[in-house]
Amino acid sequence: MSYNAIDDSQEKYFEKLIKINRVTKVNKGGKKLAFRAFVIVGDQKGRVGLATAKSKEVPLAIRRSIDKAKKQMHDINLSQGTIPHEIVGHYKASSVVLRPAPDGTGVIAGGSIRILLESLGVENIVAKSIGSSNSLNMAKAALDGLLKLKNLADVEARRGVKISRSFLKKERVGDNNDSSAS
């Protein structure tokens, strides 16, 4: 996985070309050949965008999709290097389950979901794709789930209670060395 850093007005973006498709349009005069590029762009600080663009030449299609993705950046609520709660995202026939993970887990995801999460800057997360394995639909389903995330501070303020993050800590059951139970 190679990322290309782009310096655009003092901001560094990490971009990854996911897929290039050859598409044709059939007219009365014959077939017109074009290329479609699918790109994910992120700043690894909680902002990410994805886009597709078409052109008759591959480099132009890639450039157009990068520009389009930069214009469509989304801010995602992250909490301590992971997501605040479990969420399911849907897009067409693809579904993606995103679960927060404790420190040291890393990004456990595959395909375009992994690239999306890494360009977002998530350090610890577990993702599972269900349904269609189309890379574009999986990435859009993951983005749908990420956009539905609630901000932990807003939920605490609305409820009036402090929410504990104990579900992220690994507590091993049965480790108590209680000799009186024998």
Protein backbone atom coordinates (compact mmCIF):
# COMPACT_ATOMS: atom_id res chain seq x y z
CA MET A 1 0.00 0.00 0.00
CA SER A 2 1.62 3.21 -1.09
CA TYR A 3 0.19 6.57 -0.23
CA ASN A 4 1.02 9.75 -2.06
CA ALA A 5 1.10 12.87 0.07
CA ILE A 6 -0.30 15.96 -1.62
CA ASP A 7 0.42 19.42 -0.24
CA ASP A 8 -2.68 21.48 -0.93
CA SER A 9 -2.71 24.88 0.80
CA GLN A 10 -0.70 23.80 3.86
CA GLU A 11 -2.71 20.56 4.32
CA LYS A 12 -1.37 17.09 3.61
CA TYR A 13 -3.77 14.63 2.10
CA PHE A 14 -3.21 10.92 1.70
CA GLU A 15 -4.75 9.54 -1.43
CA LYS A 16 -5.16 6.00 -2.62
CA LEU A 17 -6.36 4.83 -6.00
CA ILE A 18 -8.69 1.90 -5.35
CA LYS A 19 -9.86 0.84 -8.76
CA ILE A 20 -9.82 1.80 -12.44
CA ASN A 21 -12.61 0.47 -14.64
CA ARG A 22 -12.83 0.61 -18.41
CA VAL A 23 -16.32 1.71 -19.39
CA THR A 24 -17.94 2.06 -22.81
CA LYS A 25 -20.88 4.07 -24.01
CA VAL A 26 -22.65 2.78 -27.09
CA ASN A 27 -23.86 5.43 -29.53
CA LYS A 28 -25.34 5.29 -33.01
CA GLY A 29 -21.87 5.87 -34.43
CA GLY A 30 -20.16 3.16 -32.36
CA LYS A 31 -18.62 2.64 -28.93
CA LYS A 32 -16.93 5.40 -26.90
CA LEU A 33 -14.23 4.14 -24.55
CA ALA A 34 -13.58 5.88 -21.19
CA PHE A 35 -12.01 5.11 -17.80
CA ARG A 36 -13.53 5.45 -14.34
CA ALA A 37 -11.23 6.02 -11.34
CA PHE A 38 -12.26 5.38 -7.71
CA VAL A 39 -10.13 7.25 -5.14
CA ILE A 40 -10.15 7.68 -1.34
CA VAL A 41 -8.57 10.82 0.13
CA GLY A 42 -8.03 11.56 3.83
CA ASP A 43 -5.97 13.72 6.16
CA GLN A 44 -5.54 11.07 8.92
CA LYS A 45 -7.05 13.55 11.41
CA GLY A 46 -10.73 12.66 11.16
CA ARG A 47 -11.57 13.85 7.64
CA VAL A 48 -12.11 11.58 4.65
CA GLY A 49 -13.66 11.72 1.18
CA LEU A 50 -14.22 9.29 -1.65
CA ALA A 51 -15.20 9.89 -5.25
CA THR A 52 -15.30 8.49 -8.75
CA ALA A 53 -14.73 10.34 -12.00
CA LYS A 54 -14.60 9.40 -15.67
CA SER A 55 -12.39 10.54 -18.51
CA LYS A 56 -11.03 9.31 -21.82
CA GLU A 57 -7.53 9.11 -20.25
CA VAL A 58 -6.55 7.37 -17.01
CA PRO A 59 -4.39 10.16 -15.45
CA LEU A 60 -7.12 12.73 -16.07
CA ALA A 61 -9.74 10.46 -14.50
CA ILE A 62 -7.54 10.00 -11.42
CA ARG A 63 -6.90 13.74 -11.10
CA ARG A 64 -10.60 14.53 -11.45
CA SER A 65 -11.60 11.97 -8.83
CA ILE A 66 -8.98 13.29 -6.37
CA ASP A 67 -10.25 16.85 -6.79
CA LYS A 68 -13.83 15.67 -6.37
CA ALA A 69 -12.95 13.68 -3.22
CA LYS A 70 -11.22 16.71 -1.67
CA LYS A 71 -14.36 18.78 -2.22
CA GLN A 72 -16.54 16.09 -0.60
CA MET A 73 -14.55 15.62 2.64
CA HIS A 74 -16.55 14.52 5.70
CA ASP A 75 -15.70 15.12 9.37
CA ILE A 76 -16.02 11.91 11.40
CA ASN A 77 -16.42 11.69 15.19
CA LEU A 78 -13.43 9.75 16.53
CA SER A 79 -12.67 9.02 20.16
CA GLN A 80 -9.18 8.07 21.41
CA GLY A 81 -8.02 6.58 18.11
CA THR A 82 -11.18 4.53 17.55
CA ILE A 83 -14.90 5.07 17.06
CA PRO A 84 -17.12 5.85 20.07
CA HIS A 85 -19.60 2.98 19.57
CA GLU A 86 -20.56 0.06 17.32
CA ILE A 87 -22.42 0.97 14.13
CA VAL A 88 -23.68 -0.68 10.94
CA GLY A 89 -23.53 1.14 7.61
CA HIS A 90 -25.54 0.19 4.54
CA TYR A 91 -25.24 1.04 0.85
CA LYS A 92 -27.19 -0.93 -1.77
CA ALA A 93 -26.39 -4.65 -1.24
CA SER A 94 -23.36 -4.00 1.02
CA SER A 95 -23.38 -3.71 4.78
CA VAL A 96 -20.41 -3.00 7.02
CA VAL A 97 -20.26 -3.56 10.79
CA LEU A 98 -17.77 -1.26 12.55
CA ARG A 99 -16.77 -2.01 16.16
CA PRO A 100 -14.45 -0.03 18.46
CA ALA A 101 -11.36 -1.88 19.63
CA PRO A 102 -8.91 -1.50 22.53
CA ASP A 103 -5.43 -0.03 22.11
CA GLY A 104 -3.00 -2.27 20.28
CA THR A 105 -5.61 -3.98 18.11
CA GLY A 106 -4.87 -2.06 14.91
CA VAL A 107 -7.11 -1.79 11.88
CA ILE A 108 -8.74 -5.16 11.27
CA ALA A 109 -10.56 -4.70 7.98
CA GLY A 110 -10.11 -5.66 4.39
CA GLY A 111 -10.12 -4.10 0.97
CA SER A 112 -11.37 -0.58 0.46
CA ILE A 113 -12.73 -0.40 4.04
CA ARG A 114 -9.20 -0.70 5.42
CA ILE A 115 -7.90 2.05 3.15
CA LEU A 116 -10.84 4.29 4.11
CA LEU A 117 -10.20 3.77 7.85
CA GLU A 118 -6.43 4.27 7.55
CA SER A 119 -6.83 7.48 5.55
CA LEU A 120 -9.31 8.66 8.21
CA GLY A 121 -6.70 8.15 10.94
CA VAL A 122 -8.40 5.40 12.94
CA GLU A 123 -5.82 3.35 14.85
CA ASN A 124 -7.93 0.61 16.48
CA ILE A 125 -11.08 -0.79 14.90
CA VAL A 126 -12.65 -4.05 13.80
CA ALA A 127 -14.76 -4.08 10.62
CA LYS A 128 -16.75 -6.83 8.94
CA SER A 129 -18.35 -6.57 5.52
CA ILE A 130 -21.61 -8.38 4.86
CA GLY A 131 -23.27 -8.83 1.49
CA SER A 132 -21.81 -7.57 -1.77
CA SER A 133 -18.01 -7.37 -2.01
CA ASN A 134 -17.99 -4.55 -4.56
CA SER A 135 -15.18 -2.23 -3.40
CA LEU A 136 -17.08 0.99 -4.17
CA ASN A 137 -20.24 -0.16 -2.39
CA MET A 138 -18.28 -1.44 0.63
CA ALA A 139 -16.47 1.90 1.00
CA LYS A 140 -19.75 3.83 0.71
CA ALA A 141 -21.38 1.54 3.30
CA ALA A 142 -18.46 2.11 5.69
CA LEU A 143 -18.69 5.87 5.14
CA ASP A 144 -22.45 5.71 5.79
CA GLY A 145 -21.77 4.01 9.11
CA LEU A 146 -19.05 6.50 10.04
CA LEU A 147 -21.34 9.43 9.27
CA LYS A 148 -23.98 8.00 11.63
CA LEU A 149 -21.56 7.99 14.59
CA LYS A 150 -22.63 10.05 17.58
CA ASN A 151 -20.29 12.36 19.46
CA LEU A 152 -19.57 11.01 22.95
CA ALA A 153 -19.61 14.48 24.57
CA ASP A 154 -23.00 15.31 23.00
CA VAL A 155 -24.55 12.05 24.23
CA GLU A 156 -23.16 12.62 27.74
CA ALA A 157 -24.55 16.18 27.78
CA ARG A 158 -27.97 15.05 26.54
CA ARG A 159 -28.22 12.21 29.07
CA GLY A 160 -26.64 14.18 31.91
CA VAL A 161 -24.41 11.23 32.84
CA LYS A 162 -20.76 10.35 32.29
CA ILE A 163 -20.48 7.34 29.99
CA SER A 164 -17.72 4.91 30.91
CA ARG A 165 -15.44 3.48 28.25
CA SER A 166 -14.95 0.21 30.13
CA PHE A 167 -16.19 -1.81 27.15
CA LEU A 168 -12.89 -1.05 25.44
CA LYS A 169 -10.76 -2.41 28.27
CA LYS A 170 -9.99 -6.09 28.16
CA GLU A 171 -10.94 -7.69 31.44
CA ARG A 172 -10.19 -11.36 31.67
CA VAL A 173 -12.85 -13.39 33.39
CA GLY A 174 -11.71 -16.13 35.75
CA ASP A 175 -8.33 -14.60 36.60
CA ASN A 176 -9.11 -14.06 40.26
CA ASN A 177 -6.99 -16.36 42.38
CA ASP A 178 -9.56 -16.86 45.09
CA SER A 179 -8.33 -19.84 47.13
CA SER A 180 -11.35 -19.76 49.46
CA ALA A 181 -13.64 -20.85 46.60
CA SER A 182 -11.90 -24.25 46.38
